[in-house]
Amino acid sequence: MAKQIYHQIIGPMVEAMDKEDPEQARLFAMHIFGLSTSMLADTLPTESFERFVTTTRDTVVALLKKERGELRN
């Protein structure tokens, strides 16, 4: 269900906003990220949440660096 919400609503909204006002698109995406993070935090013990966020951050940053050719050899 979350995937459908992203692909059918949030993703298209960010893409449309980005064409008109990239800064507003980034702001919107950050708000969605913050709200989602807050909801997840409410469902997990603090230690589990911290571990999940740290692991997710590290994974996403590594993927971005690889995709963007920013990895150091």
C-alpha atoms as a PDB file:
ATOM      1  CA  MET A   1       0.000   0.000   0.000  1.00  0.00           C
ATOM      2  CA  ALA A   2       2.799   2.441   0.854  1.00  0.00           C
ATOM      3  CA  LYS A   3       4.431   1.730  -2.499  1.00  0.00           C
ATOM      4  CA  GLN A   4       1.167   2.537  -4.298  1.00  0.00           C
ATOM      5  CA  ILE A   5       0.758   5.793  -2.375  1.00  0.00           C
ATOM      6  CA  TYR A   6       4.273   6.796  -3.319  1.00  0.00           C
ATOM      7  CA  HIS A   7       4.030   5.811  -6.983  1.00  0.00           C
ATOM      8  CA  GLN A   8       0.507   7.118  -7.570  1.00  0.00           C
ATOM      9  CA  ILE A   9       0.418  10.244  -5.400  1.00  0.00           C
ATOM     10  CA  ILE A  10       3.652  11.457  -3.805  1.00  0.00           C
ATOM     11  CA  GLY A  11       6.081  10.727  -6.654  1.00  0.00           C
ATOM     12  CA  PRO A  12       3.970  12.419  -9.334  1.00  0.00           C
ATOM     13  CA  MET A  13       3.353  15.400  -7.054  1.00  0.00           C
ATOM     14  CA  VAL A  14       7.081  15.899  -6.466  1.00  0.00           C
ATOM     15  CA  GLU A  15       7.802  15.562 -10.199  1.00  0.00           C
ATOM     16  CA  ALA A  16       5.107  18.109 -11.107  1.00  0.00           C
ATOM     17  CA  MET A  17       6.234  20.507  -8.378  1.00  0.00           C
ATOM     18  CA  ASP A  18       9.859  20.146  -9.468  1.00  0.00           C
ATOM     19  CA  LYS A  19       9.000  21.436 -12.936  1.00  0.00           C
ATOM     20  CA  GLU A  20       7.357  24.559 -11.473  1.00  0.00           C
ATOM     21  CA  ASP A  21       9.444  25.226  -8.371  1.00  0.00           C
ATOM     22  CA  PRO A  22      12.298  22.846  -7.494  1.00  0.00           C
ATOM     23  CA  GLU A  23      12.750  24.388  -4.044  1.00  0.00           C
ATOM     24  CA  GLN A  24       9.111  23.753  -3.147  1.00  0.00           C
ATOM     25  CA  ALA A  25       9.431  20.187  -4.447  1.00  0.00           C
ATOM     26  CA  ARG A  26      12.430  19.615  -2.148  1.00  0.00           C
ATOM     27  CA  LEU A  27      10.577  21.147   0.779  1.00  0.00           C
ATOM     28  CA  PHE A  28       7.545  18.947   0.141  1.00  0.00           C
ATOM     29  CA  ALA A  29       9.740  15.835  -0.104  1.00  0.00           C
ATOM     30  CA  MET A  30      11.488  16.766   3.155  1.00  0.00           C
ATOM     31  CA  HIS A  31       8.139  17.158   4.904  1.00  0.00           C
ATOM     32  CA  ILE A  32       6.972  13.762   3.644  1.00  0.00           C
ATOM     33  CA  PHE A  33      10.258  12.273   4.848  1.00  0.00           C
ATOM     34  CA  GLY A  34       9.893  13.907   8.263  1.00  0.00           C
ATOM     35  CA  LEU A  35       6.290  12.816   8.718  1.00  0.00           C
ATOM     36  CA  SER A  36       7.101   9.252   7.679  1.00  0.00           C
ATOM     37  CA  THR A  37      10.094   9.158  10.006  1.00  0.00           C
ATOM     38  CA  SER A  38       7.992  10.421  12.905  1.00  0.00           C
ATOM     39  CA  MET A  39       5.331   7.797  12.288  1.00  0.00           C
ATOM     40  CA  LEU A  40       7.944   5.052  12.207  1.00  0.00           C
ATOM     41  CA  ALA A  41       9.516   6.366  15.419  1.00  0.00           C
ATOM     42  CA  ASP A  42       6.154   6.006  17.143  1.00  0.00           C
ATOM     43  CA  THR A  43       6.099   2.277  16.335  1.00  0.00           C
ATOM     44  CA  LEU A  44       9.584   1.250  17.482  1.00  0.00           C
ATOM     45  CA  PRO A  45      11.623   1.324  20.673  1.00  0.00           C
ATOM     46  CA  THR A  46      14.207   4.122  20.507  1.00  0.00           C
ATOM     47  CA  GLU A  47      17.186   1.775  20.120  1.00  0.00           C
ATOM     48  CA  SER A  48      15.537  -0.130  17.255  1.00  0.00           C
ATOM     49  CA  PHE A  49      14.541   3.112  15.563  1.00  0.00           C
ATOM     50  CA  GLU A  50      18.078   4.483  15.837  1.00  0.00           C
ATOM     51  CA  ARG A  51      19.554   1.277  14.393  1.00  0.00           C
ATOM     52  CA  PHE A  52      17.038   1.272  11.523  1.00  0.00           C
ATOM     53  CA  VAL A  53      17.615   4.941  10.653  1.00  0.00           C
ATOM     54  CA  THR A  54      21.401   4.591  10.785  1.00  0.00           C
ATOM     55  CA  THR A  55      21.423   1.469   8.612  1.00  0.00           C
ATOM     56  CA  THR A  56      18.977   2.994   6.136  1.00  0.00           C
ATOM     57  CA  ARG A  57      20.955   6.254   5.932  1.00  0.00           C
ATOM     58  CA  ASP A  58      24.225   4.433   5.315  1.00  0.00           C
ATOM     59  CA  THR A  59      22.667   2.220   2.631  1.00  0.00           C
ATOM     60  CA  VAL A  60      20.951   5.077   0.799  1.00  0.00           C
ATOM     61  CA  VAL A  61      24.054   7.302   0.869  1.00  0.00           C
ATOM     62  CA  ALA A  62      26.209   4.451  -0.477  1.00  0.00           C
ATOM     63  CA  LEU A  63      23.718   3.822  -3.308  1.00  0.00           C
ATOM     64  CA  LEU A  64      23.573   7.515  -4.169  1.00  0.00           C
ATOM     65  CA  LYS A  65      27.359   7.787  -4.253  1.00  0.00           C
ATOM     66  CA  LYS A  66      27.553   4.754  -6.526  1.00  0.00           C
ATOM     67  CA  GLU A  67      24.827   6.053  -8.870  1.00  0.00           C
ATOM     68  CA  ARG A  68      26.387   9.523  -8.970  1.00  0.00           C
ATOM     69  CA  GLY A  69      29.937   8.295  -9.507  1.00  0.00           C
ATOM     70  CA  GLU A  70      31.108   9.757  -6.199  1.00  0.00           C
ATOM     71  CA  LEU A  71      32.751   6.649  -4.742  1.00  0.00           C
ATOM     72  CA  ARG A  72      36.427   6.902  -3.939  1.00  0.00           C
ATOM     73  CA  ASN A  73      38.589   3.969  -4.965  1.00  0.00           C
END
